[in-house]
Amino acid sequence: MKLIQKDKLHTIYWSGGASTEIMIYPEYTFYAGKKFKWRVSIATIEKEKTIFTQLPGYSRRTMVLEGNLTLVHRGHHTSTLAPFAQDRYEGDWYTTSEGMVVNLNLMTAPFISSLMKVEFFHERYVTYPLNCLKEQNNETHLLLIALTSFEVQGTVNVSLNNGDTLYFKKNDLTDKDELKLYTETNFIRFVYIKIIEE
């Protein structure tokens, strides 16, 4: 298990905005070397129109966190995304974007499947099961990216601030595979990402 705190992440700036890497795996790899199996990052697009960097050999998921975004994949499809909507596409597609947004990006190499979704709970206490992780026979990774502040109890005990990430592998879990989430605001929201190496 690993707690990744938002204020300790490194941000790089590019012509269209900024990108903050949350996690890359294996951890000794680098984005520029294109040897990673998967990578999760948050990008801020500060120009109304941009061209996405092409990434042959990788599949991509983009989820909007703030704003509205249109992705145009030349020769394929066009997606208009409101907050928490997402699009899946291949890294070698020629892709342009319209809209100034904050988005979450997942890149995966071949033979890796993934699931990315937002979880909302209008409660102070939530029991969140993780059986899906323990039951996997293949190498499985799980990330919870906090979109509100809340406490995690059970398998681990940690406080997450908005923007922090909790990372698990299958062996991090105990027999009772669940997290108990608590907040004083009656509202818990996070992005759930599951990555499976096939």
N, C-alpha and C. Protein backbone atom coordinates (compact mmCIF):
# COMPACT_ATOMS: atom_id res chain seq x y z
N MET A 1 0.85 -1.19 0.00
CA MET A 1 0.00 0.00 0.00
C MET A 1 0.89 1.24 0.00
N LYS A 2 0.44 2.25 -0.71
CA LYS A 2 1.22 3.48 -0.80
C LYS A 2 0.29 4.68 -0.82
N LEU A 3 0.59 5.66 0.02
CA LEU A 3 -0.14 6.92 0.01
C LEU A 3 0.64 7.92 -0.85
N ILE A 4 -0.01 8.44 -1.86
CA ILE A 4 0.63 9.41 -2.76
C ILE A 4 -0.04 10.76 -2.50
N GLN A 5 0.70 11.67 -1.89
CA GLN A 5 0.12 12.96 -1.51
C GLN A 5 0.24 13.97 -2.65
N LYS A 6 -0.84 14.67 -2.88
CA LYS A 6 -0.91 15.62 -4.00
C LYS A 6 0.20 16.66 -3.93
N ASP A 7 0.49 17.19 -2.73
CA ASP A 7 1.45 18.29 -2.63
C ASP A 7 2.89 17.85 -2.81
N LYS A 8 3.13 16.53 -2.97
CA LYS A 8 4.48 16.04 -3.21
C LYS A 8 4.70 15.58 -4.65
N LEU A 9 3.69 15.76 -5.49
CA LEU A 9 3.81 15.35 -6.88
C LEU A 9 4.53 16.42 -7.70
N HIS A 10 5.14 15.97 -8.80
CA HIS A 10 5.90 16.86 -9.67
C HIS A 10 5.06 17.25 -10.88
N THR A 11 5.01 18.53 -11.16
CA THR A 11 4.26 19.04 -12.30
C THR A 11 5.20 19.56 -13.38
N ILE A 12 4.93 19.17 -14.63
CA ILE A 12 5.69 19.70 -15.75
C ILE A 12 4.76 20.54 -16.62
N TYR A 13 5.34 21.53 -17.29
CA TYR A 13 4.53 22.45 -18.09
C TYR A 13 4.84 22.25 -19.57
N TRP A 14 3.81 22.35 -20.38
CA TRP A 14 3.95 22.20 -21.82
C TRP A 14 3.17 23.32 -22.50
N SER A 15 3.19 23.37 -23.82
CA SER A 15 2.63 24.51 -24.55
C SER A 15 1.14 24.71 -24.29
N GLY A 16 0.42 23.62 -23.98
CA GLY A 16 -1.02 23.73 -23.80
C GLY A 16 -1.47 23.76 -22.36
N GLY A 17 -0.54 23.63 -21.39
CA GLY A 17 -0.95 23.61 -19.99
C GLY A 17 0.07 22.93 -19.10
N ALA A 18 -0.40 22.04 -18.22
CA ALA A 18 0.48 21.38 -17.26
C ALA A 18 0.05 19.94 -17.05
N SER A 19 1.00 19.09 -16.67
CA SER A 19 0.71 17.68 -16.41
C SER A 19 1.38 17.26 -15.12
N THR A 20 0.64 16.56 -14.27
CA THR A 20 1.15 16.07 -13.00
C THR A 20 1.04 14.55 -12.97
N GLU A 21 2.17 13.87 -12.87
CA GLU A 21 2.16 12.41 -12.83
C GLU A 21 1.79 11.93 -11.43
N ILE A 22 0.75 11.12 -11.33
CA ILE A 22 0.36 10.53 -10.05
C ILE A 22 1.16 9.27 -9.78
N MET A 23 1.24 8.38 -10.79
CA MET A 23 2.01 7.15 -10.63
C MET A 23 2.33 6.56 -11.99
N ILE A 24 3.51 5.96 -12.08
CA ILE A 24 3.93 5.22 -13.26
C ILE A 24 4.41 3.86 -12.78
N TYR A 25 4.15 2.81 -13.59
CA TYR A 25 4.51 1.45 -13.17
C TYR A 25 5.12 0.70 -14.34
N PRO A 26 6.23 -0.03 -14.10
CA PRO A 26 7.02 -0.10 -12.86
C PRO A 26 7.57 1.28 -12.47
N GLU A 27 7.83 1.44 -11.19
CA GLU A 27 8.18 2.76 -10.67
C GLU A 27 9.56 3.24 -11.10
N TYR A 28 10.41 2.35 -11.60
CA TYR A 28 11.73 2.78 -12.06
C TYR A 28 11.70 3.26 -13.51
N THR A 29 10.55 3.19 -14.17
CA THR A 29 10.45 3.62 -15.56
C THR A 29 10.12 5.11 -15.64
N PHE A 30 10.25 5.64 -16.85
CA PHE A 30 9.98 7.06 -17.08
C PHE A 30 9.06 7.21 -18.29
N TYR A 31 8.25 8.25 -18.24
CA TYR A 31 7.32 8.51 -19.34
C TYR A 31 8.06 8.67 -20.67
N ALA A 32 9.15 9.41 -20.66
CA ALA A 32 9.86 9.69 -21.91
C ALA A 32 10.44 8.42 -22.53
N GLY A 33 10.79 7.43 -21.71
CA GLY A 33 11.38 6.21 -22.23
C GLY A 33 10.40 5.24 -22.84
N LYS A 34 9.10 5.44 -22.58
CA LYS A 34 8.02 4.61 -23.13
C LYS A 34 8.23 3.12 -22.83
N LYS A 35 8.74 2.80 -21.63
CA LYS A 35 8.92 1.41 -21.23
C LYS A 35 7.94 1.02 -20.12
N PHE A 36 7.06 1.94 -19.73
CA PHE A 36 6.15 1.68 -18.62
C PHE A 36 4.99 0.80 -19.05
N LYS A 37 4.38 0.11 -18.06
CA LYS A 37 3.19 -0.69 -18.31
C LYS A 37 1.92 0.15 -18.21
N TRP A 38 1.91 1.08 -17.25
CA TRP A 38 0.78 1.99 -17.14
C TRP A 38 1.19 3.27 -16.43
N ARG A 39 0.41 4.30 -16.66
CA ARG A 39 0.71 5.62 -16.08
C ARG A 39 -0.60 6.35 -15.83
N VAL A 40 -0.69 7.00 -14.66
CA VAL A 40 -1.85 7.81 -14.30
C VAL A 40 -1.38 9.24 -14.06
N SER A 41 -2.06 10.21 -14.66
CA SER A 41 -1.66 11.61 -14.49
C SER A 41 -2.89 12.51 -14.56
N ILE A 42 -2.70 13.73 -14.07
CA ILE A 42 -3.72 14.78 -14.18
C ILE A 42 -3.16 15.89 -15.05
N ALA A 43 -3.95 16.34 -16.02
CA ALA A 43 -3.51 17.40 -16.92
C ALA A 43 -4.46 18.59 -16.83
N THR A 44 -3.89 19.77 -16.93
CA THR A 44 -4.66 21.00 -17.04
C THR A 44 -4.45 21.55 -18.44
N ILE A 45 -5.52 21.63 -19.21
CA ILE A 45 -5.44 22.16 -20.57
C ILE A 45 -5.85 23.62 -20.53
N GLU A 46 -4.92 24.50 -20.87
CA GLU A 46 -5.14 25.94 -20.73
C GLU A 46 -5.32 26.66 -22.06
N LYS A 47 -5.37 25.90 -23.15
CA LYS A 47 -5.67 26.47 -24.46
C LYS A 47 -6.97 25.88 -24.97
N GLU A 48 -7.73 26.68 -25.69
CA GLU A 48 -9.04 26.22 -26.17
C GLU A 48 -8.90 25.05 -27.14
N LYS A 49 -7.83 25.04 -27.94
CA LYS A 49 -7.61 23.94 -28.88
C LYS A 49 -6.17 23.44 -28.75
N THR A 50 -6.01 22.12 -28.65
CA THR A 50 -4.68 21.53 -28.55
C THR A 50 -4.62 20.25 -29.38
N ILE A 51 -3.39 19.81 -29.65
CA ILE A 51 -3.15 18.53 -30.31
C ILE A 51 -2.50 17.60 -29.30
N PHE A 52 -3.06 16.42 -29.10
CA PHE A 52 -2.51 15.47 -28.13
C PHE A 52 -1.26 14.81 -28.70
N THR A 53 -0.30 14.57 -27.82
CA THR A 53 0.89 13.82 -28.20
C THR A 53 0.50 12.40 -28.55
N GLN A 54 0.99 11.90 -29.68
CA GLN A 54 0.69 10.53 -30.07
C GLN A 54 1.57 9.55 -29.30
N LEU A 55 0.98 8.44 -28.88
CA LEU A 55 1.68 7.44 -28.07
C LEU A 55 1.45 6.06 -28.67
N PRO A 56 2.14 5.72 -29.75
CA PRO A 56 1.97 4.39 -30.35
C PRO A 56 2.28 3.28 -29.35
N GLY A 57 1.45 2.24 -29.36
CA GLY A 57 1.66 1.12 -28.46
C GLY A 57 0.95 1.23 -27.13
N TYR A 58 0.20 2.31 -26.91
CA TYR A 58 -0.53 2.49 -25.66
C TYR A 58 -2.01 2.78 -25.94
N SER A 59 -2.87 2.32 -25.03
CA SER A 59 -4.28 2.70 -25.03
C SER A 59 -4.46 3.79 -23.99
N ARG A 60 -5.46 4.65 -24.21
CA ARG A 60 -5.64 5.79 -23.32
C ARG A 60 -7.09 5.90 -22.86
N ARG A 61 -7.25 6.37 -21.64
CA ARG A 61 -8.54 6.79 -21.11
C ARG A 61 -8.38 8.22 -20.60
N THR A 62 -9.32 9.08 -20.94
CA THR A 62 -9.33 10.45 -20.45
C THR A 62 -10.67 10.72 -19.79
N MET A 63 -10.63 11.16 -18.52
CA MET A 63 -11.83 11.53 -17.77
C MET A 63 -11.75 13.00 -17.40
N VAL A 64 -12.80 13.74 -17.67
CA VAL A 64 -12.84 15.16 -17.31
C VAL A 64 -13.18 15.29 -15.83
N LEU A 65 -12.39 16.11 -15.11
CA LEU A 65 -12.67 16.41 -13.71
C LEU A 65 -13.31 17.78 -13.55
N GLU A 66 -12.89 18.74 -14.37
CA GLU A 66 -13.45 20.09 -14.33
C GLU A 66 -13.56 20.61 -15.76
N GLY A 67 -14.70 21.20 -16.09
CA GLY A 67 -14.89 21.79 -17.41
C GLY A 67 -15.57 20.84 -18.39
N ASN A 68 -15.56 21.21 -19.65
CA ASN A 68 -16.15 20.40 -20.72
C ASN A 68 -15.13 20.27 -21.85
N LEU A 69 -15.05 19.07 -22.42
CA LEU A 69 -13.99 18.76 -23.38
C LEU A 69 -14.57 18.01 -24.57
N THR A 70 -14.14 18.39 -25.76
CA THR A 70 -14.44 17.63 -26.97
C THR A 70 -13.15 17.04 -27.51
N LEU A 71 -13.13 15.72 -27.69
CA LEU A 71 -11.98 15.03 -28.27
C LEU A 71 -12.35 14.58 -29.67
N VAL A 72 -11.55 14.97 -30.64
CA VAL A 72 -11.77 14.61 -32.03
C VAL A 72 -10.66 13.66 -32.45
N HIS A 73 -11.01 12.41 -32.73
CA HIS A 73 -10.04 11.40 -33.15
C HIS A 73 -10.19 11.24 -34.67
N ARG A 74 -9.23 11.78 -35.40
CA ARG A 74 -9.33 11.80 -36.86
C ARG A 74 -9.48 10.38 -37.42
N GLY A 75 -10.53 10.18 -38.22
CA GLY A 75 -10.77 8.88 -38.82
C GLY A 75 -11.45 7.88 -37.90
N HIS A 76 -11.82 8.31 -36.69
CA HIS A 76 -12.44 7.39 -35.72
C HIS A 76 -13.74 8.00 -35.17
N HIS A 77 -13.70 8.59 -34.00
CA HIS A 77 -14.94 9.13 -33.44
C HIS A 77 -14.64 10.45 -32.74
N THR A 78 -15.71 11.15 -32.38
CA THR A 78 -15.63 12.39 -31.61
C THR A 78 -16.43 12.21 -30.33
N SER A 79 -15.86 12.65 -29.20
CA SER A 79 -16.54 12.54 -27.91
C SER A 79 -16.63 13.91 -27.26
N THR A 80 -17.81 14.24 -26.75
CA THR A 80 -18.00 15.45 -25.96
C THR A 80 -18.20 15.04 -24.51
N LEU A 81 -17.32 15.52 -23.65
CA LEU A 81 -17.26 15.02 -22.27
C LEU A 81 -17.59 16.13 -21.27
N ALA A 82 -18.59 15.88 -20.44
CA ALA A 82 -18.90 16.71 -19.28
C ALA A 82 -18.09 16.17 -18.10
N PRO A 83 -18.11 16.86 -16.94
CA PRO A 83 -17.36 16.36 -15.79
C PRO A 83 -17.71 14.91 -15.44
N PHE A 84 -16.67 14.11 -15.26
CA PHE A 84 -16.69 12.69 -14.86
C PHE A 84 -17.07 11.75 -16.01
N ALA A 85 -17.32 12.29 -17.19
CA ALA A 85 -17.45 11.43 -18.37
C ALA A 85 -16.05 11.12 -18.89
N GLN A 86 -15.92 10.02 -19.63
CA GLN A 86 -14.59 9.62 -20.09
C GLN A 86 -14.67 9.07 -21.51
N ASP A 87 -13.49 8.99 -22.13
CA ASP A 87 -13.36 8.46 -23.48
C ASP A 87 -12.17 7.51 -23.50
N ARG A 88 -12.30 6.44 -24.29
CA ARG A 88 -11.20 5.49 -24.47
C ARG A 88 -10.78 5.51 -25.93
N TYR A 89 -9.47 5.53 -26.17
CA TYR A 89 -8.96 5.62 -27.54
C TYR A 89 -7.51 5.13 -27.58
N GLU A 90 -6.99 4.96 -28.77
CA GLU A 90 -5.63 4.45 -28.93
C GLU A 90 -4.63 5.60 -29.02
N GLY A 91 -3.45 5.35 -28.47
CA GLY A 91 -2.45 6.41 -28.39
C GLY A 91 -1.88 6.84 -29.72
N ASP A 92 -1.97 5.99 -30.75
CA ASP A 92 -1.42 6.38 -32.05
C ASP A 92 -2.43 7.12 -32.92
N TRP A 93 -3.66 7.33 -32.42
CA TRP A 93 -4.63 8.11 -33.17
C TRP A 93 -4.24 9.59 -33.15
N TYR A 94 -4.55 10.29 -34.23
CA TYR A 94 -4.35 11.74 -34.26
C TYR A 94 -5.55 12.37 -33.55
N THR A 95 -5.29 12.98 -32.39
CA THR A 95 -6.37 13.47 -31.52
C THR A 95 -6.19 14.95 -31.23
N THR A 96 -7.25 15.71 -31.42
CA THR A 96 -7.25 17.12 -31.04
C THR A 96 -8.33 17.34 -29.98
N SER A 97 -8.15 18.39 -29.18
CA SER A 97 -9.12 18.68 -28.12
C SER A 97 -9.61 20.11 -28.23
N GLU A 98 -10.83 20.32 -27.76
CA GLU A 98 -11.42 21.65 -27.66
C GLU A 98 -11.99 21.80 -26.26
N GLY A 99 -11.55 22.84 -25.55
CA GLY A 99 -12.04 23.09 -24.20
C GLY A 99 -10.90 23.18 -23.21
N MET A 100 -11.04 24.11 -22.27
CA MET A 100 -10.04 24.28 -21.21
C MET A 100 -10.54 23.53 -19.97
N VAL A 101 -9.83 22.47 -19.59
CA VAL A 101 -10.33 21.54 -18.58
C VAL A 101 -9.19 21.04 -17.69
N VAL A 102 -9.60 20.35 -16.64
CA VAL A 102 -8.71 19.49 -15.86
C VAL A 102 -9.16 18.06 -16.11
N ASN A 103 -8.24 17.20 -16.54
CA ASN A 103 -8.65 15.83 -16.81
C ASN A 103 -7.68 14.82 -16.21
N LEU A 104 -8.19 13.62 -16.03
CA LEU A 104 -7.43 12.49 -15.50
C LEU A 104 -7.11 11.57 -16.66
N ASN A 105 -5.86 11.13 -16.75
CA ASN A 105 -5.43 10.32 -17.88
C ASN A 105 -4.83 9.00 -17.41
N LEU A 106 -5.24 7.92 -18.06
CA LEU A 106 -4.68 6.60 -17.82
C LEU A 106 -4.14 6.07 -19.14
N MET A 107 -2.88 5.66 -19.14
CA MET A 107 -2.24 5.06 -20.31
C MET A 107 -1.85 3.63 -19.97
N THR A 108 -2.17 2.68 -20.84
CA THR A 108 -1.85 1.28 -20.58
C THR A 108 -1.20 0.64 -21.80
N ALA A 109 -0.23 -0.23 -21.53
CA ALA A 109 0.45 -0.97 -22.58
C ALA A 109 -0.42 -2.14 -23.04
N PRO A 110 -0.04 -2.84 -24.12
CA PRO A 110 -0.81 -4.01 -24.56
C PRO A 110 -0.92 -5.08 -23.48
N PHE A 111 -2.01 -5.85 -23.54
CA PHE A 111 -2.29 -6.95 -22.62
C PHE A 111 -2.53 -6.47 -21.19
N ILE A 112 -2.98 -5.24 -21.06
CA ILE A 112 -3.36 -4.70 -19.76
C ILE A 112 -4.78 -4.14 -19.89
N SER A 113 -5.69 -4.62 -19.05
CA SER A 113 -7.06 -4.12 -19.06
C SER A 113 -7.26 -3.15 -17.90
N SER A 114 -8.27 -2.31 -18.00
CA SER A 114 -8.45 -1.29 -16.98
C SER A 114 -9.92 -0.92 -16.83
N LEU A 115 -10.22 -0.38 -15.66
CA LEU A 115 -11.54 0.16 -15.35
C LEU A 115 -11.32 1.47 -14.61
N MET A 116 -12.04 2.51 -15.00
CA MET A 116 -11.93 3.80 -14.32
C MET A 116 -13.34 4.36 -14.15
N LYS A 117 -13.70 4.71 -12.92
CA LYS A 117 -15.03 5.25 -12.66
C LYS A 117 -14.99 6.15 -11.44
N VAL A 118 -16.02 7.00 -11.31
CA VAL A 118 -16.15 7.87 -10.15
C VAL A 118 -17.17 7.27 -9.20
N GLU A 119 -16.84 7.28 -7.91
CA GLU A 119 -17.76 6.79 -6.87
C GLU A 119 -18.24 7.98 -6.05
N PHE A 120 -19.56 8.08 -5.85
CA PHE A 120 -20.18 9.13 -5.05
C PHE A 120 -20.94 8.49 -3.88
N PHE A 121 -20.78 9.05 -2.70
CA PHE A 121 -21.55 8.58 -1.55
C PHE A 121 -21.99 9.80 -0.74
N HIS A 122 -23.31 9.94 -0.51
CA HIS A 122 -23.83 11.03 0.31
C HIS A 122 -24.06 10.49 1.73
N GLU A 123 -22.98 10.07 2.34
CA GLU A 123 -23.03 9.48 3.68
C GLU A 123 -21.75 9.83 4.43
N ARG A 124 -21.81 9.73 5.76
CA ARG A 124 -20.61 9.97 6.55
C ARG A 124 -19.76 8.71 6.65
N TYR A 125 -20.41 7.53 6.68
CA TYR A 125 -19.71 6.25 6.79
C TYR A 125 -20.04 5.37 5.59
N VAL A 126 -19.02 4.79 4.99
CA VAL A 126 -19.21 3.90 3.84
C VAL A 126 -18.29 2.69 3.99
N THR A 127 -18.83 1.49 3.78
CA THR A 127 -18.01 0.29 3.70
C THR A 127 -17.83 -0.04 2.22
N TYR A 128 -16.58 -0.02 1.77
CA TYR A 128 -16.30 -0.18 0.34
C TYR A 128 -15.57 -1.51 0.13
N PRO A 129 -16.20 -2.50 -0.52
CA PRO A 129 -15.59 -3.82 -0.69
C PRO A 129 -14.49 -3.82 -1.74
N LEU A 130 -13.47 -4.64 -1.50
CA LEU A 130 -12.36 -4.79 -2.45
C LEU A 130 -12.19 -6.24 -2.88
N ASN A 131 -13.24 -7.04 -2.78
CA ASN A 131 -13.15 -8.46 -3.15
C ASN A 131 -12.67 -8.64 -4.58
N CYS A 132 -13.04 -7.70 -5.44
CA CYS A 132 -12.67 -7.81 -6.85
C CYS A 132 -11.16 -7.81 -7.03
N LEU A 133 -10.45 -7.20 -6.09
CA LEU A 133 -8.99 -7.17 -6.20
C LEU A 133 -8.38 -8.48 -5.71
N LYS A 134 -8.85 -8.98 -4.59
CA LYS A 134 -8.28 -10.19 -4.00
C LYS A 134 -8.55 -11.42 -4.86
N GLU A 135 -9.67 -11.44 -5.56
CA GLU A 135 -10.05 -12.62 -6.32
C GLU A 135 -9.32 -12.74 -7.66
N GLN A 136 -8.62 -11.71 -8.07
CA GLN A 136 -7.93 -11.75 -9.36
C GLN A 136 -6.73 -12.69 -9.31
N ASN A 137 -6.57 -13.53 -10.33
CA ASN A 137 -5.40 -14.39 -10.42
C ASN A 137 -4.21 -13.65 -11.02
N ASN A 138 -4.46 -12.66 -11.84
CA ASN A 138 -3.38 -11.91 -12.47
C ASN A 138 -2.93 -10.75 -11.58
N GLU A 139 -1.79 -10.19 -11.92
CA GLU A 139 -1.29 -9.02 -11.19
C GLU A 139 -2.29 -7.88 -11.33
N THR A 140 -2.75 -7.37 -10.19
CA THR A 140 -3.82 -6.38 -10.19
C THR A 140 -3.41 -5.18 -9.34
N HIS A 141 -3.74 -3.99 -9.83
CA HIS A 141 -3.42 -2.74 -9.14
C HIS A 141 -4.72 -1.96 -8.95
N LEU A 142 -4.80 -1.25 -7.84
CA LEU A 142 -5.98 -0.45 -7.53
C LEU A 142 -5.55 0.91 -7.02
N LEU A 143 -6.15 1.95 -7.57
CA LEU A 143 -5.89 3.31 -7.11
C LEU A 143 -7.21 3.97 -6.74
N LEU A 144 -7.22 4.65 -5.59
CA LEU A 144 -8.33 5.51 -5.19
C LEU A 144 -7.81 6.93 -5.18
N ILE A 145 -8.34 7.78 -6.04
CA ILE A 145 -7.90 9.17 -6.12
C ILE A 145 -8.99 10.03 -5.49
N ALA A 146 -8.68 10.66 -4.36
CA ALA A 146 -9.69 11.39 -3.60
C ALA A 146 -10.08 12.68 -4.31
N LEU A 147 -11.38 12.89 -4.45
CA LEU A 147 -11.92 14.15 -4.98
C LEU A 147 -12.58 14.96 -3.88
N THR A 148 -12.66 14.40 -2.68
CA THR A 148 -13.02 15.10 -1.46
C THR A 148 -12.09 14.57 -0.38
N SER A 149 -12.10 15.18 0.78
CA SER A 149 -11.27 14.70 1.89
C SER A 149 -12.05 13.69 2.72
N PHE A 150 -11.39 12.57 3.07
CA PHE A 150 -12.04 11.56 3.92
C PHE A 150 -10.98 10.68 4.56
N GLU A 151 -11.41 9.93 5.56
CA GLU A 151 -10.52 9.00 6.25
C GLU A 151 -10.79 7.58 5.78
N VAL A 152 -9.73 6.77 5.74
CA VAL A 152 -9.83 5.36 5.36
C VAL A 152 -9.44 4.53 6.57
N GLN A 153 -10.28 3.55 6.89
CA GLN A 153 -10.01 2.65 8.01
C GLN A 153 -10.25 1.22 7.56
N GLY A 154 -9.79 0.27 8.35
CA GLY A 154 -9.98 -1.14 8.00
C GLY A 154 -8.66 -1.77 7.63
N THR A 155 -8.50 -2.16 6.35
CA THR A 155 -7.25 -2.73 5.88
C THR A 155 -6.09 -1.77 6.12
N VAL A 156 -6.34 -0.47 5.97
CA VAL A 156 -5.36 0.56 6.26
C VAL A 156 -6.05 1.66 7.05
N ASN A 157 -5.26 2.51 7.68
CA ASN A 157 -5.78 3.66 8.40
C ASN A 157 -5.01 4.89 7.94
N VAL A 158 -5.68 5.74 7.20
CA VAL A 158 -4.99 6.90 6.62
C VAL A 158 -6.02 7.97 6.30
N SER A 159 -5.58 9.22 6.31
CA SER A 159 -6.44 10.34 5.92
C SER A 159 -6.06 10.80 4.52
N LEU A 160 -7.06 10.95 3.67
CA LEU A 160 -6.84 11.42 2.30
C LEU A 160 -7.40 12.83 2.15
N ASN A 161 -6.58 13.73 1.65
CA ASN A 161 -7.06 15.05 1.28
C ASN A 161 -7.45 15.05 -0.19
N ASN A 162 -8.20 16.04 -0.60
CA ASN A 162 -8.60 16.16 -2.00
C ASN A 162 -7.35 16.14 -2.88
N GLY A 163 -7.28 15.20 -3.81
CA GLY A 163 -6.12 15.08 -4.70
C GLY A 163 -5.12 14.03 -4.30
N ASP A 164 -5.22 13.49 -3.09
CA ASP A 164 -4.33 12.40 -2.67
C ASP A 164 -4.78 11.09 -3.30
N THR A 165 -3.84 10.14 -3.40
CA THR A 165 -4.13 8.84 -4.01
C THR A 165 -3.67 7.72 -3.09
N LEU A 166 -4.51 6.68 -2.97
CA LEU A 166 -4.15 5.48 -2.24
C LEU A 166 -3.98 4.35 -3.25
N TYR A 167 -2.81 3.70 -3.21
CA TYR A 167 -2.47 2.65 -4.18
C TYR A 167 -2.33 1.31 -3.47
N PHE A 168 -2.96 0.27 -4.06
CA PHE A 168 -2.91 -1.09 -3.53
C PHE A 168 -2.44 -2.06 -4.60
N LYS A 169 -1.76 -3.12 -4.16
CA LYS A 169 -1.63 -4.33 -4.96
C LYS A 169 -2.35 -5.44 -4.21
N LYS A 170 -2.58 -6.55 -4.87
CA LYS A 170 -3.37 -7.63 -4.28
C LYS A 170 -2.81 -8.09 -2.95
N ASN A 171 -1.50 -8.20 -2.84
CA ASN A 171 -0.88 -8.71 -1.62
C ASN A 171 -0.96 -7.75 -0.44
N ASP A 172 -1.40 -6.52 -0.69
CA ASP A 172 -1.54 -5.55 0.40
C ASP A 172 -2.78 -5.81 1.24
N LEU A 173 -3.68 -6.64 0.77
CA LEU A 173 -4.97 -6.81 1.43
C LEU A 173 -4.96 -7.96 2.42
N THR A 174 -5.84 -7.86 3.39
CA THR A 174 -6.02 -8.92 4.37
C THR A 174 -7.22 -9.77 3.96
N ASP A 175 -7.59 -10.72 4.81
CA ASP A 175 -8.74 -11.58 4.49
C ASP A 175 -10.04 -10.79 4.42
N LYS A 176 -10.14 -9.75 5.22
CA LYS A 176 -11.35 -8.92 5.20
C LYS A 176 -11.11 -7.76 4.23
N ASP A 177 -11.48 -7.99 2.99
CA ASP A 177 -11.08 -7.07 1.93
C ASP A 177 -12.10 -5.95 1.76
N GLU A 178 -12.03 -4.98 2.66
CA GLU A 178 -12.92 -3.83 2.56
C GLU A 178 -12.26 -2.63 3.22
N LEU A 179 -12.69 -1.48 2.79
CA LEU A 179 -12.25 -0.23 3.40
C LEU A 179 -13.44 0.44 4.05
N LYS A 180 -13.22 1.02 5.20
CA LYS A 180 -14.25 1.81 5.86
C LYS A 180 -13.88 3.27 5.68
N LEU A 181 -14.77 4.00 5.01
CA LEU A 181 -14.53 5.40 4.70
C LEU A 181 -15.38 6.28 5.60
N TYR A 182 -14.78 7.40 6.04
CA TYR A 182 -15.48 8.30 6.96
C TYR A 182 -15.18 9.74 6.59
N THR A 183 -16.21 10.57 6.67
CA THR A 183 -16.04 12.01 6.48
C THR A 183 -17.00 12.76 7.38
N GLU A 184 -16.67 13.99 7.71
CA GLU A 184 -17.57 14.82 8.52
C GLU A 184 -18.51 15.64 7.65
N THR A 185 -18.34 15.56 6.34
CA THR A 185 -19.12 16.42 5.43
C THR A 185 -20.33 15.73 4.81
N ASN A 186 -20.54 14.44 5.11
CA ASN A 186 -21.64 13.66 4.52
C ASN A 186 -21.51 13.51 3.00
N PHE A 187 -20.30 13.61 2.48
CA PHE A 187 -20.10 13.49 1.04
C PHE A 187 -18.70 12.94 0.76
N ILE A 188 -18.65 11.77 0.13
CA ILE A 188 -17.38 11.14 -0.24
C ILE A 188 -17.38 10.93 -1.75
N ARG A 189 -16.29 11.34 -2.38
CA ARG A 189 -16.17 11.15 -3.82
C ARG A 189 -14.72 10.83 -4.17
N PHE A 190 -14.54 9.82 -5.02
CA PHE A 190 -13.18 9.47 -5.46
C PHE A 190 -13.25 8.78 -6.81
N VAL A 191 -12.11 8.75 -7.49
CA VAL A 191 -11.98 7.99 -8.73
C VAL A 191 -11.38 6.64 -8.38
N TYR A 192 -12.02 5.59 -8.86
CA TYR A 192 -11.58 4.21 -8.66
C TYR A 192 -10.96 3.73 -9.97
N ILE A 193 -9.71 3.29 -9.90
CA ILE A 193 -9.03 2.75 -11.08
C ILE A 193 -8.54 1.34 -10.76
N LYS A 194 -8.92 0.38 -11.60
CA LYS A 194 -8.41 -0.99 -11.47
C LYS A 194 -7.65 -1.34 -12.74
N ILE A 195 -6.44 -1.86 -12.58
CA ILE A 195 -5.58 -2.21 -13.70
C ILE A 195 -5.16 -3.67 -13.55
N ILE A 196 -5.37 -4.47 -14.59
CA ILE A 196 -5.08 -5.90 -14.54
C ILE A 196 -4.10 -6.25 -15.65
N GLU A 197 -2.99 -6.87 -15.27
CA GLU A 197 -2.02 -7.35 -16.25
C GLU A 197 -2.44 -8.74 -16.70
N GLU A 198 -2.78 -8.88 -17.96
CA GLU A 198 -3.34 -10.14 -18.47
C GLU A 198 -2.23 -11.12 -18.86
